[in-house]
PDB file of N, CA and C in Angstrom:
ATOM      1  N   MET A   1     -32.005  77.406 -48.404  1.00  0.00           N
ATOM      2  CA  MET A   1     -30.879  76.294 -47.850  1.00  0.00           C
ATOM      3  C   MET A   1     -32.019  76.239 -46.565  1.00  0.00           C
ATOM      4  N   SER A   2     -31.989  74.888 -45.807  1.00  0.00           N
ATOM      5  CA  SER A   2     -33.296  74.783 -44.519  1.00  0.00           C
ATOM      6  C   SER A   2     -31.974  74.064 -43.577  1.00  0.00           C
ATOM      7  N   ALA A   3     -31.815  74.391 -42.628  1.00  0.00           N
ATOM      8  CA  ALA A   3     -30.969  74.240 -41.288  1.00  0.00           C
ATOM      9  C   ALA A   3     -31.909  73.154 -40.794  1.00  0.00           C
ATOM     10  N   THR A   4     -31.116  71.775 -40.685  1.00  0.00           N
ATOM     11  CA  THR A   4     -31.667  70.428 -40.264  1.00  0.00           C
ATOM     12  C   THR A   4     -31.197  70.363 -38.541  1.00  0.00           C
ATOM     13  N   ARG A   5     -32.325  69.885 -37.864  1.00  0.00           N
ATOM     14  CA  ARG A   5     -32.003  70.074 -36.474  1.00  0.00           C
ATOM     15  C   ARG A   5     -31.500  68.861 -36.079  1.00  0.00           C
ATOM     16  N   PRO A   6     -30.325  68.713 -35.401  1.00  0.00           N
ATOM     17  CA  PRO A   6     -30.236  67.784 -34.509  1.00  0.00           C
ATOM     18  C   PRO A   6     -30.838  66.387 -34.023  1.00  0.00           C
ATOM     19  N   THR A   7     -30.775  65.342 -34.384  1.00  0.00           N
ATOM     20  CA  THR A   7     -32.091  64.593 -33.533  1.00  0.00           C
ATOM     21  C   THR A   7     -31.277  63.694 -32.688  1.00  0.00           C
ATOM     22  N   ARG A   8     -31.782  63.061 -31.531  1.00  0.00           N
ATOM     23  CA  ARG A   8     -31.544  62.448 -30.394  1.00  0.00           C
ATOM     24  C   ARG A   8     -30.592  61.156 -30.920  1.00  0.00           C
ATOM     25  N   ASN A   9     -29.895  60.243 -30.632  1.00  0.00           N
ATOM     26  CA  ASN A   9     -29.814  59.123 -31.031  1.00  0.00           C
ATOM     27  C   ASN A   9     -30.201  58.284 -29.877  1.00  0.00           C
ATOM     28  N   LYS A  10     -31.364  57.636 -30.434  1.00  0.00           N
ATOM     29  CA  LYS A  10     -32.225  56.347 -29.722  1.00  0.00           C
ATOM     30  C   LYS A  10     -31.630  55.444 -29.436  1.00  0.00           C
ATOM     31  N   GLY A  11     -30.051  54.834 -29.687  1.00  0.00           N
ATOM     32  CA  GLY A  11     -29.720  53.784 -28.731  1.00  0.00           C
ATOM     33  C   GLY A  11     -28.877  53.834 -27.501  1.00  0.00           C
ATOM     34  N   ALA A  12     -28.692  55.242 -27.828  1.00  0.00           N
ATOM     35  CA  ALA A  12     -28.381  56.047 -26.163  1.00  0.00           C
ATOM     36  C   ALA A  12     -29.197  55.430 -25.067  1.00  0.00           C
ATOM     37  N   PHE A  13     -30.261  56.185 -25.549  1.00  0.00           N
ATOM     38  CA  PHE A  13     -31.501  55.289 -24.338  1.00  0.00           C
ATOM     39  C   PHE A  13     -31.219  54.091 -23.514  1.00  0.00           C
ATOM     40  N   TRP A  14     -31.427  52.679 -24.894  1.00  0.00           N
ATOM     41  CA  TRP A  14     -31.335  51.525 -24.336  1.00  0.00           C
ATOM     42  C   TRP A  14     -29.700  51.158 -24.156  1.00  0.00           C
ATOM     43  N   VAL A  15     -28.715  51.704 -24.490  1.00  0.00           N
ATOM     44  CA  VAL A  15     -27.581  51.110 -23.743  1.00  0.00           C
ATOM     45  C   VAL A  15     -27.241  51.928 -22.558  1.00  0.00           C
ATOM     46  N   TYR A  16     -27.888  52.812 -22.234  1.00  0.00           N
ATOM     47  CA  TYR A  16     -27.787  53.282 -21.052  1.00  0.00           C
ATOM     48  C   TYR A  16     -28.590  52.352 -19.828  1.00  0.00           C
ATOM     49  N   LEU A  17     -29.910  51.819 -20.281  1.00  0.00           N
ATOM     50  CA  LEU A  17     -31.228  51.031 -19.151  1.00  0.00           C
ATOM     51  C   LEU A  17     -30.281  49.701 -19.488  1.00  0.00           C
ATOM     52  N   ALA A  18     -29.520  49.021 -20.393  1.00  0.00           N
ATOM     53  CA  ALA A  18     -28.801  47.772 -20.327  1.00  0.00           C
ATOM     54  C   ALA A  18     -27.542  47.860 -19.204  1.00  0.00           C
ATOM     55  N   VAL A  19     -26.800  49.178 -19.541  1.00  0.00           N
ATOM     56  CA  VAL A  19     -25.682  49.298 -18.282  1.00  0.00           C
ATOM     57  C   VAL A  19     -26.535  49.322 -17.083  1.00  0.00           C
ATOM     58  N   ALA A  20     -27.719  50.248 -16.726  1.00  0.00           N
ATOM     59  CA  ALA A  20     -28.125  50.089 -15.427  1.00  0.00           C
ATOM     60  C   ALA A  20     -28.633  48.641 -15.182  1.00  0.00           C
ATOM     61  N   ALA A  21     -29.101  48.023 -15.973  1.00  0.00           N
ATOM     62  CA  ALA A  21     -29.537  46.240 -15.795  1.00  0.00           C
ATOM     63  C   ALA A  21     -28.300  45.680 -15.268  1.00  0.00           C
ATOM     64  N   ILE A  22     -27.251  45.792 -15.980  1.00  0.00           N
ATOM     65  CA  ILE A  22     -26.065  44.937 -15.288  1.00  0.00           C
ATOM     66  C   ILE A  22     -25.793  45.284 -14.347  1.00  0.00           C
ATOM     67  N   GLY A  23     -25.906  46.613 -13.882  1.00  0.00           N
ATOM     68  CA  GLY A  23     -25.648  47.441 -12.282  1.00  0.00           C
ATOM     69  C   GLY A  23     -26.326  47.026 -11.398  1.00  0.00           C
ATOM     70  N   LEU A  24     -27.354  46.742 -11.869  1.00  0.00           N
ATOM     71  CA  LEU A  24     -28.288  46.281 -10.628  1.00  0.00           C
ATOM     72  C   LEU A  24     -27.947  44.770 -10.245  1.00  0.00           C
ATOM     73  N   ILE A  25     -28.370  43.909 -11.491  1.00  0.00           N
ATOM     74  CA  ILE A  25     -27.822  42.392 -11.258  1.00  0.00           C
ATOM     75  C   ILE A  25     -26.515  42.089 -10.919  1.00  0.00           C
ATOM     76  N   GLY A  26     -25.388  43.155 -11.379  1.00  0.00           N
ATOM     77  CA  GLY A  26     -24.316  42.911 -10.830  1.00  0.00           C
ATOM     78  C   GLY A  26     -24.020  42.979  -9.339  1.00  0.00           C
ATOM     79  N   THR A  27     -24.491  43.793  -9.004  1.00  0.00           N
ATOM     80  CA  THR A  27     -24.263  44.229  -7.502  1.00  0.00           C
ATOM     81  C   THR A  27     -25.731  43.599  -6.438  1.00  0.00           C
ATOM     82  N   ALA A  28     -26.781  43.177  -7.054  1.00  0.00           N
ATOM     83  CA  ALA A  28     -27.574  42.667  -6.342  1.00  0.00           C
ATOM     84  C   ALA A  28     -26.907  41.609  -5.312  1.00  0.00           C
ATOM     85  N   TYR A  29     -26.528  40.941  -5.717  1.00  0.00           N
ATOM     86  CA  TYR A  29     -26.005  39.387  -5.113  1.00  0.00           C
ATOM     87  C   TYR A  29     -25.368  40.223  -4.123  1.00  0.00           C
ATOM     88  N   PHE A  30     -24.072  40.722  -4.132  1.00  0.00           N
ATOM     89  CA  PHE A  30     -23.582  41.156  -2.924  1.00  0.00           C
ATOM     90  C   PHE A  30     -23.932  42.157  -2.050  1.00  0.00           C
ATOM     91  N   ASN A  31     -24.539  42.890  -2.666  1.00  0.00           N
ATOM     92  CA  ASN A  31     -25.723  43.633  -1.633  1.00  0.00           C
ATOM     93  C   ASN A  31     -26.584  42.412  -0.321  1.00  0.00           C
ATOM     94  N   ILE A  32     -26.772  41.592  -0.984  1.00  0.00           N
ATOM     95  CA  ILE A  32     -28.210  40.814  -0.508  1.00  0.00           C
ATOM     96  C   ILE A  32     -27.031  40.222   0.209  1.00  0.00           C
ATOM     97  N   LYS A  33     -26.215  39.424   0.022  1.00  0.00           N
ATOM     98  CA  LYS A  33     -24.858  38.807   1.152  1.00  0.00           C
ATOM     99  C   LYS A  33     -24.608  39.552   1.794  1.00  0.00           C
ATOM    100  N   CYS A  34     -24.388  40.811   2.033  1.00  0.00           N
ATOM    101  CA  CYS A  34     -23.881  41.675   3.021  1.00  0.00           C
ATOM    102  C   CYS A  34     -24.556  41.718   4.139  1.00  0.00           C
ATOM    103  N   PHE A  35     -25.505  41.782   3.767  1.00  0.00           N
ATOM    104  CA  PHE A  35     -26.950  41.576   4.559  1.00  0.00           C
ATOM    105  C   PHE A  35     -27.199  40.710   5.276  1.00  0.00           C
ATOM    106  N   THR A  36     -27.255  39.342   4.633  1.00  0.00           N
ATOM    107  CA  THR A  36     -27.232  38.339   5.057  1.00  0.00           C
ATOM    108  C   THR A  36     -26.204  37.479   5.849  1.00  0.00           C
ATOM    109  N   GLU A  37     -24.803  38.278   5.315  1.00  0.00           N
ATOM    110  CA  GLU A  37     -23.980  37.777   6.255  1.00  0.00           C
ATOM    111  C   GLU A  37     -23.064  38.859   6.695  1.00  0.00           C
ATOM    112  N   PRO A  38     -23.653  39.282   7.779  1.00  0.00           N
ATOM    113  CA  PRO A  38     -22.962  40.650   8.267  1.00  0.00           C
ATOM    114  C   PRO A  38     -21.825  40.345   8.892  1.00  0.00           C
ATOM    115  N   SER A  39     -20.885  41.472   8.883  1.00  0.00           N
ATOM    116  CA  SER A  39     -19.529  41.425   9.084  1.00  0.00           C
ATOM    117  C   SER A  39     -19.455  42.564  10.187  1.00  0.00           C
ATOM    118  N   ASP A  40     -18.236  42.332  11.019  1.00  0.00           N
ATOM    119  CA  ASP A  40     -18.440  43.432  12.223  1.00  0.00           C
ATOM    120  C   ASP A  40     -18.064  44.334  11.948  1.00  0.00           C
ATOM    121  N   SER A  41     -17.518  44.720  10.615  1.00  0.00           N
ATOM    122  CA  SER A  41     -17.089  46.601  10.103  1.00  0.00           C
ATOM    123  C   SER A  41     -17.239  46.547   8.747  1.00  0.00           C
ATOM    124  N   PHE A  42     -18.348  46.679   8.766  1.00  0.00           N
ATOM    125  CA  PHE A  42     -18.578  47.092   7.063  1.00  0.00           C
ATOM    126  C   PHE A  42     -17.811  48.067   6.445  1.00  0.00           C
ATOM    127  N   PHE A  43     -17.779  49.338   6.971  1.00  0.00           N
ATOM    128  CA  PHE A  43     -17.134  50.288   6.097  1.00  0.00           C
ATOM    129  C   PHE A  43     -15.676  50.050   6.775  1.00  0.00           C
ATOM    130  N   ALA A  44     -14.997  49.309   7.367  1.00  0.00           N
ATOM    131  CA  ALA A  44     -13.480  48.581   7.655  1.00  0.00           C
ATOM    132  C   ALA A  44     -12.938  48.413   6.337  1.00  0.00           C
ATOM    133  N   GLU A  45     -13.925  46.879   5.813  1.00  0.00           N
ATOM    134  CA  GLU A  45     -13.867  46.628   4.517  1.00  0.00           C
ATOM    135  C   GLU A  45     -13.508  47.154   3.572  1.00  0.00           C
ATOM    136  N   TRP A  46     -14.084  48.449   3.470  1.00  0.00           N
ATOM    137  CA  TRP A  46     -13.736  49.307   2.320  1.00  0.00           C
ATOM    138  C   TRP A  46     -12.609  49.746   1.638  1.00  0.00           C
ATOM    139  N   PHE A  47     -12.180  49.188   3.022  1.00  0.00           N
ATOM    140  CA  PHE A  47     -10.204  49.854   3.506  1.00  0.00           C
ATOM    141  C   PHE A  47      -9.303  48.747   3.523  1.00  0.00           C
ATOM    142  N   ALA A  48      -9.711  47.705   3.629  1.00  0.00           N
ATOM    143  CA  ALA A  48      -9.151  46.681   3.977  1.00  0.00           C
ATOM    144  C   ALA A  48      -7.524  46.534   3.198  1.00  0.00           C
ATOM    145  N   ASN A  49      -7.263  46.672   2.068  1.00  0.00           N
ATOM    146  CA  ASN A  49      -5.978  47.024   1.559  1.00  0.00           C
ATOM    147  C   ASN A  49      -5.743  48.234   0.482  1.00  0.00           C
ATOM    148  N   SER A  50      -4.720  48.139  -0.063  1.00  0.00           N
ATOM    149  CA  SER A  50      -4.523  49.385  -1.138  1.00  0.00           C
ATOM    150  C   SER A  50      -5.452  49.271  -2.184  1.00  0.00           C
ATOM    151  N   ALA A  51      -5.901  48.005  -2.726  1.00  0.00           N
ATOM    152  CA  ALA A  51      -6.415  47.691  -3.723  1.00  0.00           C
ATOM    153  C   ALA A  51      -8.205  48.194  -3.770  1.00  0.00           C
ATOM    154  N   VAL A  52      -8.485  47.841  -2.299  1.00  0.00           N
ATOM    155  CA  VAL A  52     -10.007  48.233  -2.184  1.00  0.00           C
ATOM    156  C   VAL A  52     -10.039  49.553  -1.888  1.00  0.00           C
ATOM    157  N   THR A  53      -9.375  50.037  -1.101  1.00  0.00           N
ATOM    158  CA  THR A  53      -9.022  51.688  -0.289  1.00  0.00           C
ATOM    159  C   THR A  53      -9.400  52.313  -1.768  1.00  0.00           C
ATOM    160  N   SER A  54      -8.680  52.141  -2.839  1.00  0.00           N
ATOM    161  CA  SER A  54      -8.272  52.580  -4.197  1.00  0.00           C
ATOM    162  C   SER A  54      -9.958  52.762  -4.810  1.00  0.00           C
ATOM    163  N   LEU A  55     -10.459  51.720  -4.963  1.00  0.00           N
ATOM    164  CA  LEU A  55     -11.462  51.616  -5.643  1.00  0.00           C
ATOM    165  C   LEU A  55     -13.054  51.868  -5.041  1.00  0.00           C
ATOM    166  N   SER A  56     -12.451  51.588  -3.641  1.00  0.00           N
ATOM    167  CA  SER A  56     -13.716  52.860  -2.432  1.00  0.00           C
ATOM    168  C   SER A  56     -13.504  54.214  -2.675  1.00  0.00           C
ATOM    169  N   ILE A  57     -12.298  54.715  -2.909  1.00  0.00           N
ATOM    170  CA  ILE A  57     -12.187  56.285  -2.899  1.00  0.00           C
ATOM    171  C   ILE A  57     -12.738  56.525  -4.203  1.00  0.00           C
ATOM    172  N   ASP A  58     -12.596  55.931  -5.307  1.00  0.00           N
ATOM    173  CA  ASP A  58     -12.951  55.907  -6.836  1.00  0.00           C
ATOM    174  C   ASP A  58     -14.397  56.124  -6.890  1.00  0.00           C
ATOM    175  N   LEU A  59     -14.776  55.439  -6.123  1.00  0.00           N
ATOM    176  CA  LEU A  59     -16.511  54.985  -5.988  1.00  0.00           C
ATOM    177  C   LEU A  59     -17.239  56.064  -5.382  1.00  0.00           C
ATOM    178  N   LEU A  60     -16.634  56.463  -4.613  1.00  0.00           N
ATOM    179  CA  LEU A  60     -16.832  57.778  -3.567  1.00  0.00           C
ATOM    180  C   LEU A  60     -17.046  58.955  -4.573  1.00  0.00           C
ATOM    181  N   ALA A  61     -15.771  59.061  -4.595  1.00  0.00           N
ATOM    182  CA  ALA A  61     -16.039  60.459  -5.848  1.00  0.00           C
ATOM    183  C   ALA A  61     -16.623  60.112  -7.205  1.00  0.00           C
ATOM    184  N   VAL A  62     -16.834  58.648  -7.723  1.00  0.00           N
ATOM    185  CA  VAL A  62     -17.889  58.859  -8.776  1.00  0.00           C
ATOM    186  C   VAL A  62     -19.437  59.319  -8.382  1.00  0.00           C
ATOM    187  N   ALA A  63     -19.504  58.573  -7.161  1.00  0.00           N
ATOM    188  CA  ALA A  63     -20.653  58.485  -6.666  1.00  0.00           C
ATOM    189  C   ALA A  63     -21.320  60.241  -6.169  1.00  0.00           C
ATOM    190  N   SER A  64     -20.447  60.833  -6.151  1.00  0.00           N
ATOM    191  CA  SER A  64     -20.417  62.078  -5.347  1.00  0.00           C
ATOM    192  C   SER A  64     -20.982  63.239  -6.929  1.00  0.00           C
ATOM    193  N   ALA A  65     -19.837  62.514  -7.448  1.00  0.00           N
ATOM    194  CA  ALA A  65     -20.195  63.793  -9.075  1.00  0.00           C
ATOM    195  C   ALA A  65     -20.895  63.674  -9.499  1.00  0.00           C
ATOM    196  N   ALA A  66     -21.892  61.799  -9.668  1.00  0.00           N
ATOM    197  CA  ALA A  66     -23.192  61.477 -10.399  1.00  0.00           C
ATOM    198  C   ALA A  66     -24.300  62.204  -9.524  1.00  0.00           C
ATOM    199  N   SER A  67     -24.074  62.129  -8.238  1.00  0.00           N
ATOM    200  CA  SER A  67     -25.697  62.816  -7.346  1.00  0.00           C
ATOM    201  C   SER A  67     -25.195  64.215  -7.725  1.00  0.00           C
ATOM    202  N   ILE A  68     -24.358  65.349  -7.864  1.00  0.00           N
ATOM    203  CA  ILE A  68     -24.024  66.375  -8.143  1.00  0.00           C
ATOM    204  C   ILE A  68     -24.736  66.672  -9.466  1.00  0.00           C
ATOM    205  N   PHE A  69     -24.557  65.836 -10.807  1.00  0.00           N
ATOM    206  CA  PHE A  69     -25.072  66.009 -11.560  1.00  0.00           C
ATOM    207  C   PHE A  69     -26.634  65.864 -11.764  1.00  0.00           C
ATOM    208  N   ILE A  70     -26.972  64.559 -11.377  1.00  0.00           N
ATOM    209  CA  ILE A  70     -28.049  64.009 -11.241  1.00  0.00           C
ATOM    210  C   ILE A  70     -29.417  65.180 -10.636  1.00  0.00           C
ATOM    211  N   ILE A  71     -28.923  65.640  -9.853  1.00  0.00           N
ATOM    212  CA  ILE A  71     -29.699  67.012  -8.898  1.00  0.00           C
ATOM    213  C   ILE A  71     -29.785  68.358  -9.854  1.00  0.00           C
ATOM    214  N   LEU A  72     -28.194  68.890 -10.729  1.00  0.00           N
ATOM    215  CA  LEU A  72     -28.240  69.684 -11.357  1.00  0.00           C
ATOM    216  C   LEU A  72     -28.963  69.615 -12.542  1.00  0.00           C
ATOM    217  N   GLU A  73     -28.742  68.519 -13.263  1.00  0.00           N
ATOM    218  CA  GLU A  73     -29.476  68.339 -14.635  1.00  0.00           C
ATOM    219  C   GLU A  73     -30.999  67.749 -14.183  1.00  0.00           C
ATOM    220  N   GLY A  74     -31.787  67.569 -13.246  1.00  0.00           N
ATOM    221  CA  GLY A  74     -32.952  67.058 -12.895  1.00  0.00           C
ATOM    222  C   GLY A  74     -33.609  68.254 -12.914  1.00  0.00           C
ATOM    223  N   ARG A  75     -33.033  69.187 -12.366  1.00  0.00           N
ATOM    224  CA  ARG A  75     -33.555  70.359 -11.951  1.00  0.00           C
ATOM    225  C   ARG A  75     -33.298  71.714 -13.091  1.00  0.00           C
ATOM    226  N   ARG A  76     -32.308  71.169 -14.171  1.00  0.00           N
ATOM    227  CA  ARG A  76     -32.813  72.141 -15.546  1.00  0.00           C
ATOM    228  C   ARG A  76     -33.418  71.511 -16.244  1.00  0.00           C
ATOM    229  N   LEU A  77     -34.129  69.946 -16.407  1.00  0.00           N
ATOM    230  CA  LEU A  77     -34.723  69.890 -17.304  1.00  0.00           C
ATOM    231  C   LEU A  77     -36.120  69.363 -16.965  1.00  0.00           C
ATOM    232  N   GLY A  78     -36.539  69.885 -15.608  1.00  0.00           N
ATOM    233  CA  GLY A  78     -37.823  69.851 -14.661  1.00  0.00           C
ATOM    234  C   GLY A  78     -38.094  68.412 -14.971  1.00  0.00           C
ATOM    235  N   MET A  79     -37.168  67.711 -14.468  1.00  0.00           N
ATOM    236  CA  MET A  79     -37.223  66.120 -14.400  1.00  0.00           C
ATOM    237  C   MET A  79     -38.282  66.161 -12.870  1.00  0.00           C
ATOM    238  N   ARG A  80     -39.191  64.724 -13.029  1.00  0.00           N
ATOM    239  CA  ARG A  80     -39.742  64.667 -11.665  1.00  0.00           C
ATOM    240  C   ARG A  80     -38.722  63.515 -11.255  1.00  0.00           C
ATOM    241  N   TRP A  81     -38.887  63.494  -9.554  1.00  0.00           N
ATOM    242  CA  TRP A  81     -38.509  62.538  -8.981  1.00  0.00           C
ATOM    243  C   TRP A  81     -37.024  62.357  -9.071  1.00  0.00           C
ATOM    244  N   TYR A  82     -36.426  63.291  -9.565  1.00  0.00           N
ATOM    245  CA  TYR A  82     -34.555  63.516  -9.721  1.00  0.00           C
ATOM    246  C   TYR A  82     -34.165  62.935  -8.312  1.00  0.00           C
ATOM    247  N   TRP A  83     -34.756  63.864  -7.624  1.00  0.00           N
ATOM    248  CA  TRP A  83     -33.568  63.292  -5.960  1.00  0.00           C
ATOM    249  C   TRP A  83     -33.989  61.536  -5.491  1.00  0.00           C
ATOM    250  N   LEU A  84     -34.924  60.956  -6.638  1.00  0.00           N
ATOM    251  CA  LEU A  84     -34.902  59.776  -6.197  1.00  0.00           C
ATOM    252  C   LEU A  84     -33.514  58.680  -6.144  1.00  0.00           C
ATOM    253  N   TYR A  85     -33.122  59.050  -7.524  1.00  0.00           N
ATOM    254  CA  TYR A  85     -32.038  58.339  -7.906  1.00  0.00           C
ATOM    255  C   TYR A  85     -31.139  58.479  -6.945  1.00  0.00           C
ATOM    256  N   VAL A  86     -30.821  59.608  -6.477  1.00  0.00           N
ATOM    257  CA  VAL A  86     -29.688  59.543  -5.300  1.00  0.00           C
ATOM    258  C   VAL A  86     -29.841  58.785  -4.262  1.00  0.00           C
ATOM    259  N   LEU A  87     -31.173  58.872  -3.685  1.00  0.00           N
ATOM    260  CA  LEU A  87     -31.338  57.965  -2.383  1.00  0.00           C
ATOM    261  C   LEU A  87     -31.186  56.617  -3.041  1.00  0.00           C
ATOM    262  N   ALA A  88     -31.850  56.277  -4.072  1.00  0.00           N
ATOM    263  CA  ALA A  88     -31.985  54.583  -4.700  1.00  0.00           C
ATOM    264  C   ALA A  88     -30.408  54.401  -4.752  1.00  0.00           C
ATOM    265  N   SER A  89     -29.124  55.451  -4.926  1.00  0.00           N
ATOM    266  CA  SER A  89     -28.057  55.030  -4.945  1.00  0.00           C
ATOM    267  C   SER A  89     -27.844  54.359  -3.227  1.00  0.00           C
ATOM    268  N   PHE A  90     -28.104  54.725  -2.386  1.00  0.00           N
ATOM    269  CA  PHE A  90     -27.559  54.290  -1.012  1.00  0.00           C
ATOM    270  C   PHE A  90     -27.835  52.778  -0.919  1.00  0.00           C
ATOM    271  N   ILE A  91     -28.767  52.506  -1.538  1.00  0.00           N
ATOM    272  CA  ILE A  91     -29.803  51.377  -1.229  1.00  0.00           C
ATOM    273  C   ILE A  91     -29.573  50.204  -2.510  1.00  0.00           C
ATOM    274  N   THR A  92     -29.660  50.499  -3.796  1.00  0.00           N
ATOM    275  CA  THR A  92     -28.790  49.651  -4.920  1.00  0.00           C
ATOM    276  C   THR A  92     -27.638  50.023  -4.610  1.00  0.00           C
ATOM    277  N   ALA A  93     -26.949  50.461  -6.497  1.00  0.00           N
ATOM    278  CA  ALA A  93     -25.770  50.529  -6.566  1.00  0.00           C
ATOM    279  C   ALA A  93     -25.952  52.184  -7.542  1.00  0.00           C
ATOM    280  N   VAL A  94     -24.481  52.631  -7.330  1.00  0.00           N
ATOM    281  CA  VAL A  94     -24.727  54.116  -8.205  1.00  0.00           C
ATOM    282  C   VAL A  94     -24.383  53.393  -9.490  1.00  0.00           C
ATOM    283  N   GLY A  95     -24.056  52.150 -10.275  1.00  0.00           N
ATOM    284  CA  GLY A  95     -24.061  51.767 -11.595  1.00  0.00           C
ATOM    285  C   GLY A  95     -25.460  51.373 -11.967  1.00  0.00           C
ATOM    286  N   PHE A  96     -26.042  51.251 -10.845  1.00  0.00           N
ATOM    287  CA  PHE A  96     -27.137  51.269 -11.017  1.00  0.00           C
ATOM    288  C   PHE A  96     -28.203  52.356 -11.600  1.00  0.00           C
ATOM    289  N   THR A  97     -28.348  53.280 -10.628  1.00  0.00           N
ATOM    290  CA  THR A  97     -29.041  54.000 -10.652  1.00  0.00           C
ATOM    291  C   THR A  97     -28.644  55.496 -11.322  1.00  0.00           C
ATOM    292  N   PHE A  98     -27.302  55.670 -11.758  1.00  0.00           N
ATOM    293  CA  PHE A  98     -26.710  56.760 -12.537  1.00  0.00           C
ATOM    294  C   PHE A  98     -27.117  56.242 -14.289  1.00  0.00           C
ATOM    295  N   ALA A  99     -26.920  55.112 -14.216  1.00  0.00           N
ATOM    296  CA  ALA A  99     -27.421  55.188 -15.849  1.00  0.00           C
ATOM    297  C   ALA A  99     -28.561  54.675 -15.540  1.00  0.00           C
ATOM    298  N   LEU A 100     -29.470  54.589 -14.980  1.00  0.00           N
ATOM    299  CA  LEU A 100     -30.906  54.911 -15.095  1.00  0.00           C
ATOM    300  C   LEU A 100     -31.385  55.774 -15.455  1.00  0.00           C
ATOM    301  N   PHE A 101     -30.781  56.927 -14.111  1.00  0.00           N
ATOM    302  CA  PHE A 101     -30.970  58.296 -14.538  1.00  0.00           C
ATOM    303  C   PHE A 101     -30.794  58.780 -15.996  1.00  0.00           C
ATOM    304  N   LEU A 102     -29.468  58.165 -16.646  1.00  0.00           N
ATOM    305  CA  LEU A 102     -28.900  58.834 -17.976  1.00  0.00           C
ATOM    306  C   LEU A 102     -30.134  58.229 -18.943  1.00  0.00           C
ATOM    307  N   ALA A 103     -30.569  56.934 -18.768  1.00  0.00           N
ATOM    308  CA  ALA A 103     -31.393  56.619 -19.409  1.00  0.00           C
ATOM    309  C   ALA A 103     -32.614  57.573 -19.888  1.00  0.00           C
ATOM    310  N   MET A 104     -33.271  57.967 -18.108  1.00  0.00           N
ATOM    311  CA  MET A 104     -34.594  58.914 -18.606  1.00  0.00           C
ATOM    312  C   MET A 104     -34.160  60.100 -18.841  1.00  0.00           C
ATOM    313  N   ARG A 105     -33.303  60.500 -18.375  1.00  0.00           N
ATOM    314  CA  ARG A 105     -32.826  62.172 -19.227  1.00  0.00           C
ATOM    315  C   ARG A 105     -32.665  61.801 -20.653  1.00  0.00           C
ATOM    316  N   GLU A 106     -32.221  60.571 -21.427  1.00  0.00           N
ATOM    317  CA  GLU A 106     -32.339  60.607 -22.752  1.00  0.00           C
ATOM    318  C   GLU A 106     -33.953  60.905 -23.172  1.00  0.00           C
ATOM    319  N   ARG A 107     -34.903  59.828 -22.553  1.00  0.00           N
ATOM    320  CA  ARG A 107     -36.307  60.116 -23.069  1.00  0.00           C
ATOM    321  C   ARG A 107     -36.832  61.592 -22.364  1.00  0.00           C
ATOM    322  N   LYS A 108     -36.321  62.296 -21.400  1.00  0.00           N
ATOM    323  CA  LYS A 108     -36.871  63.581 -21.298  1.00  0.00           C
ATOM    324  C   LYS A 108     -36.448  64.705 -22.367  1.00  0.00           C
ATOM    325  N   LEU A 109     -35.000  64.280 -23.135  1.00  0.00           N
ATOM    326  CA  LEU A 109     -34.634  65.335 -23.552  1.00  0.00           C
ATOM    327  C   LEU A 109     -35.255  64.975 -25.037  1.00  0.00           C
ATOM    328  N   ALA A 110     -35.426  63.522 -25.258  1.00  0.00           N
ATOM    329  CA  ALA A 110     -36.004  63.286 -26.555  1.00  0.00           C
ATOM    330  C   ALA A 110     -37.613  64.223 -26.897  1.00  0.00           C
ATOM    331  N   ALA A 111     -38.361  63.922 -25.555  1.00  0.00           N
ATOM    332  CA  ALA A 111     -39.738  64.525 -25.231  1.00  0.00           C
ATOM    333  C   ALA A 111     -39.831  66.510 -25.436  1.00  0.00           C
ATOM    334  N   LEU A 112     -38.630  66.631 -24.929  1.00  0.00           N
ATOM    335  CA  LEU A 112     -38.459  68.041 -24.985  1.00  0.00           C
ATOM    336  C   LEU A 112     -38.277  68.600 -26.795  1.00  0.00           C
ATOM    337  N   GLU A 113     -37.415  67.478 -27.198  1.00  0.00           N
ATOM    338  CA  GLU A 113     -37.203  67.961 -28.407  1.00  0.00           C
ATOM    339  C   GLU A 113     -38.529  68.118 -29.315  1.00  0.00           C
ATOM    340  N   ARG A 114     -39.077  67.051 -29.002  1.00  0.00           N
ATOM    341  CA  ARG A 114     -40.428  66.578 -29.972  1.00  0.00           C
ATOM    342  C   ARG A 114     -41.147  67.793 -29.638  1.00  0.00           C
ATOM    343  N   ASN A 115     -41.605  68.252 -28.314  1.00  0.00           N
ATOM    344  CA  ASN A 115     -42.144  69.359 -28.150  1.00  0.00           C
ATOM    345  C   ASN A 115     -42.064  71.231 -28.564  1.00  0.00           C
ATOM    346  N   GLN A 116     -40.595  70.944 -29.131  1.00  0.00           N
ATOM    347  CA  GLN A 116     -39.948  71.904 -29.267  1.00  0.00           C
ATOM    348  C   GLN A 116     -40.624  72.049 -31.071  1.00  0.00           C
ATOM    349  N   GLY A 117     -40.275  70.443 -31.456  1.00  0.00           N
ATOM    350  CA  GLY A 117     -39.958  70.475 -33.050  1.00  0.00           C
ATOM    351  C   GLY A 117     -42.252  70.988 -33.295  1.00  0.00           C
ATOM    352  N   SER A 118     -43.142  70.598 -32.543  1.00  0.00           N
ATOM    353  CA  SER A 118     -44.362  70.785 -32.891  1.00  0.00           C
ATOM    354  C   SER A 118     -44.913  72.354 -33.057  1.00  0.00           C
ATOM    355  N   THR A 119     -44.038  73.044 -31.793  1.00  0.00           N
ATOM    356  CA  THR A 119     -44.291  74.677 -32.097  1.00  0.00           C
ATOM    357  C   THR A 119     -43.127  75.304 -32.987  1.00  0.00           C
ATOM    358  N   ASP A 120     -42.248  74.458 -33.541  1.00  0.00           N
ATOM    359  CA  ASP A 120     -41.207  75.281 -34.089  1.00  0.00           C
ATOM    360  C   ASP A 120     -41.789  75.443 -35.865  1.00  0.00           C
ATOM    361  N   PRO A 121     -42.044  76.690 -36.097  1.00  0.00           N
ATOM    362  CA  PRO A 121     -42.448  76.696 -37.388  1.00  0.00           C
ATOM    363  C   PRO A 121     -41.667  76.181 -38.944  1.00  0.00           C
ATOM    364  N   ARG A 122     -40.775  75.860 -38.853  1.00  0.00           N
ATOM    365  CA  ARG A 122     -39.158  75.301 -39.786  1.00  0.00           C
ATOM    366  C   ARG A 122     -40.369  73.924 -40.550  1.00  0.00           C
TER     367      ARG A 122
END
């Protein structure tokens, strides 16, 4: 009986890439608008009312967890430029950079599996 190796789901790469595109396009308009129509208190608006405060705290928590994951996983897999995703999230959006990192992580994992398969005698 021969053991079969699990293969990566190739669709995950494209789903993550689609989410990254939505994250970039969906936030780009408002990011540009924020800088073209400056307000007196950008960060104060993050806590303008209870609903926005809840969303802001949620975003900060998710962004922190995503940043930690990107750094640890990027190092573990030997990904190049992994730290750039964290820096880019301050300029673009976490919804874009984290999904893009996950897509590139899928590519890296697939490449590692291919390399392991070429040296695996099975």
